[in-house]
Amino acid sequence: MDDEELRATAVALRRATIGLARRLRDERPAHGPGRLALSLLGHLHRRGAMTAGELAAAEHLQPQSLTRVLASLEEQGLIRRSRGETDRRRHHIVLTERGTAALTQQVGTTDLWLAEALAAKLTPAERRILAVAADLLEQLQA
């Protein structure tokens, strides 16, 4: 693949992923956590307890940028903060059962839509190709 083909592939991939992200966002229930809040809940679900600094780094943001979102999540009972065992100045943020349920409900809605779209619009071979492509996309994020 030459440079021109690589560039065309990059453009097509960018357009497709942005379009799919928009559609998935449209499929999310109107109520519930916003995009950043869902992303934070997802990090906590996958990684366990984290500090605000670690969450901010995962989102490529400054910790101050998360202050309101974290306060809102805590107020809703979706996260809980606790002081660190070794360093009492650090707060560890954990996902509550209610937070797990909210995340599962929000993500489940979009996952269901996507699974139904894959089944309705793609052949089994195309679905297998997309499974491989998903793994490759994960590699690009690293």
Protein backbone atom coordinates (compact mmCIF):
# COMPACT_ATOMS: atom_id res chain seq x y z
CA MET A 1 0.00 0.00 0.00
CA ASP A 2 1.56 3.31 -1.07
CA ASP A 3 1.31 6.64 0.80
CA GLU A 4 -1.74 7.78 -1.16
CA GLU A 5 -3.62 4.56 -0.41
CA LEU A 6 -2.65 4.77 3.26
CA ARG A 7 -3.95 8.34 3.43
CA ALA A 8 -7.22 7.37 1.70
CA THR A 9 -7.63 4.47 4.13
CA ALA A 10 -6.96 6.77 7.07
CA VAL A 11 -9.58 9.26 5.83
CA ALA A 12 -12.17 6.51 5.26
CA LEU A 13 -11.48 5.00 8.68
CA ARG A 14 -11.73 8.38 10.43
CA ARG A 15 -15.02 9.18 8.73
CA ALA A 16 -16.47 5.75 9.48
CA THR A 17 -15.46 5.77 13.14
CA ILE A 18 -16.76 9.30 13.69
CA GLY A 19 -20.05 8.39 12.03
CA LEU A 20 -20.39 5.23 14.09
CA ALA A 21 -19.55 7.13 17.29
CA ARG A 22 -22.29 9.65 16.48
CA ARG A 23 -24.80 6.89 15.84
CA LEU A 24 -23.89 5.09 19.06
CA ARG A 25 -24.27 8.38 20.94
CA ASP A 26 -27.72 8.81 19.37
CA GLU A 27 -28.71 5.32 20.52
CA ARG A 28 -27.87 6.02 24.17
CA PRO A 29 -30.82 6.74 26.43
CA ALA A 30 -31.40 10.48 26.84
CA HIS A 31 -31.28 10.25 30.62
CA GLY A 32 -28.23 9.15 32.55
CA PRO A 33 -24.57 10.08 32.62
CA GLY A 34 -23.01 12.10 29.80
CA ARG A 35 -20.13 10.99 27.59
CA LEU A 36 -17.33 11.96 29.98
CA ALA A 37 -19.14 10.53 33.00
CA LEU A 38 -19.73 7.24 31.17
CA SER A 39 -16.09 7.11 30.15
CA LEU A 40 -15.00 7.64 33.77
CA LEU A 41 -17.38 4.93 34.96
CA GLY A 42 -15.95 2.65 32.28
CA HIS A 43 -12.38 3.24 33.45
CA LEU A 44 -13.37 2.44 37.03
CA HIS A 45 -15.22 -0.69 35.88
CA ARG A 46 -12.25 -1.99 33.89
CA ARG A 47 -9.40 -0.90 36.17
CA GLY A 48 -10.85 -0.75 39.66
CA ALA A 49 -10.16 2.06 42.13
CA MET A 50 -8.36 5.08 40.70
CA THR A 51 -7.43 8.57 41.84
CA ALA A 52 -8.78 11.69 40.16
CA GLY A 53 -5.33 12.22 38.67
CA GLU A 54 -5.30 8.74 37.18
CA LEU A 55 -8.78 9.21 35.73
CA ALA A 56 -7.77 12.57 34.28
CA ALA A 57 -4.65 11.06 32.71
CA ALA A 58 -6.76 8.27 31.18
CA GLU A 59 -8.97 10.95 29.60
CA HIS A 60 -6.03 13.22 28.66
CA LEU A 61 -7.43 15.98 30.86
CA GLN A 62 -6.32 17.97 33.88
CA PRO A 63 -7.68 16.70 37.24
CA GLN A 64 -9.49 20.02 37.75
CA SER A 65 -11.51 19.29 34.61
CA LEU A 66 -13.14 16.35 36.38
CA THR A 67 -14.14 18.13 39.59
CA ARG A 68 -17.77 18.78 38.65
CA VAL A 69 -18.30 15.46 36.90
CA LEU A 70 -16.89 13.49 39.83
CA ALA A 71 -18.96 15.51 42.30
CA SER A 72 -22.09 14.81 40.26
CA LEU A 73 -21.31 11.09 40.02
CA GLU A 74 -20.74 10.94 43.76
CA GLU A 75 -23.95 12.88 44.46
CA GLN A 76 -25.87 10.37 42.31
CA GLY A 77 -24.31 7.48 44.21
CA LEU A 78 -22.51 6.15 41.14
CA ILE A 79 -19.02 6.47 42.67
CA ARG A 80 -17.60 6.59 46.17
CA ARG A 81 -14.41 8.29 47.32
CA SER A 82 -12.28 6.95 50.12
CA ARG A 83 -8.97 8.05 51.59
CA GLY A 84 -5.91 6.05 50.70
CA GLU A 85 -4.54 3.61 53.24
CA THR A 86 -0.91 4.71 52.91
CA ASP A 87 -1.45 8.35 51.91
CA ARG A 88 -4.48 9.87 53.61
CA ARG A 89 -4.29 12.92 51.28
CA ARG A 90 -5.16 10.80 48.24
CA HIS A 91 -8.73 9.83 47.51
CA HIS A 92 -9.44 6.61 45.72
CA ILE A 93 -12.55 6.59 43.58
CA VAL A 94 -14.51 3.37 43.21
CA LEU A 95 -17.54 2.41 41.21
CA THR A 96 -20.60 1.61 43.33
CA GLU A 97 -23.18 -1.07 42.55
CA ARG A 98 -25.46 1.71 41.37
CA GLY A 99 -22.67 3.00 39.11
CA THR A 100 -22.15 -0.45 37.64
CA ALA A 101 -25.88 -0.74 36.97
CA ALA A 102 -25.99 2.70 35.29
CA LEU A 103 -22.98 1.86 33.13
CA THR A 104 -24.39 -1.54 32.18
CA GLN A 105 -27.74 -0.03 31.24
CA GLN A 106 -26.23 2.76 29.13
CA VAL A 107 -23.66 0.60 27.36
CA GLY A 108 -26.09 -2.29 26.98
CA THR A 109 -28.47 -0.13 24.97
CA THR A 110 -25.81 0.84 22.43
CA ASP A 111 -24.31 -2.66 22.34
CA LEU A 112 -27.74 -4.12 21.59
CA TRP A 113 -28.33 -1.65 18.76
CA LEU A 114 -24.91 -2.40 17.28
CA ALA A 115 -25.33 -6.17 17.54
CA GLU A 116 -28.72 -5.94 15.83
CA ALA A 117 -27.27 -3.72 13.08
CA LEU A 118 -24.39 -6.16 12.52
CA ALA A 119 -26.81 -9.08 12.25
CA ALA A 120 -29.19 -7.23 9.92
CA LYS A 121 -26.72 -5.54 7.58
CA LEU A 122 -23.61 -7.70 7.39
CA THR A 123 -22.86 -11.24 6.32
CA PRO A 124 -21.20 -13.66 8.72
CA ALA A 125 -17.91 -13.19 6.86
CA GLU A 126 -18.19 -9.40 7.14
CA ARG A 127 -18.90 -9.71 10.87
CA ARG A 128 -15.74 -11.82 11.29
CA ILE A 129 -13.75 -9.17 9.40
CA LEU A 130 -15.12 -6.51 11.75
CA ALA A 131 -14.12 -8.60 14.76
CA VAL A 132 -10.53 -8.61 13.47
CA ALA A 133 -10.77 -4.89 12.66
CA ALA A 134 -11.92 -4.17 16.23
CA ASP A 135 -8.78 -5.85 17.55
CA LEU A 136 -6.65 -3.82 15.14
CA LEU A 137 -8.36 -0.58 16.20
CA GLU A 138 -7.51 -1.40 19.82
CA GLN A 139 -3.85 -1.70 18.77
CA LEU A 140 -3.95 1.78 17.21
CA GLN A 141 -5.08 3.26 20.53
CA ALA A 142 -2.01 2.02 22.40
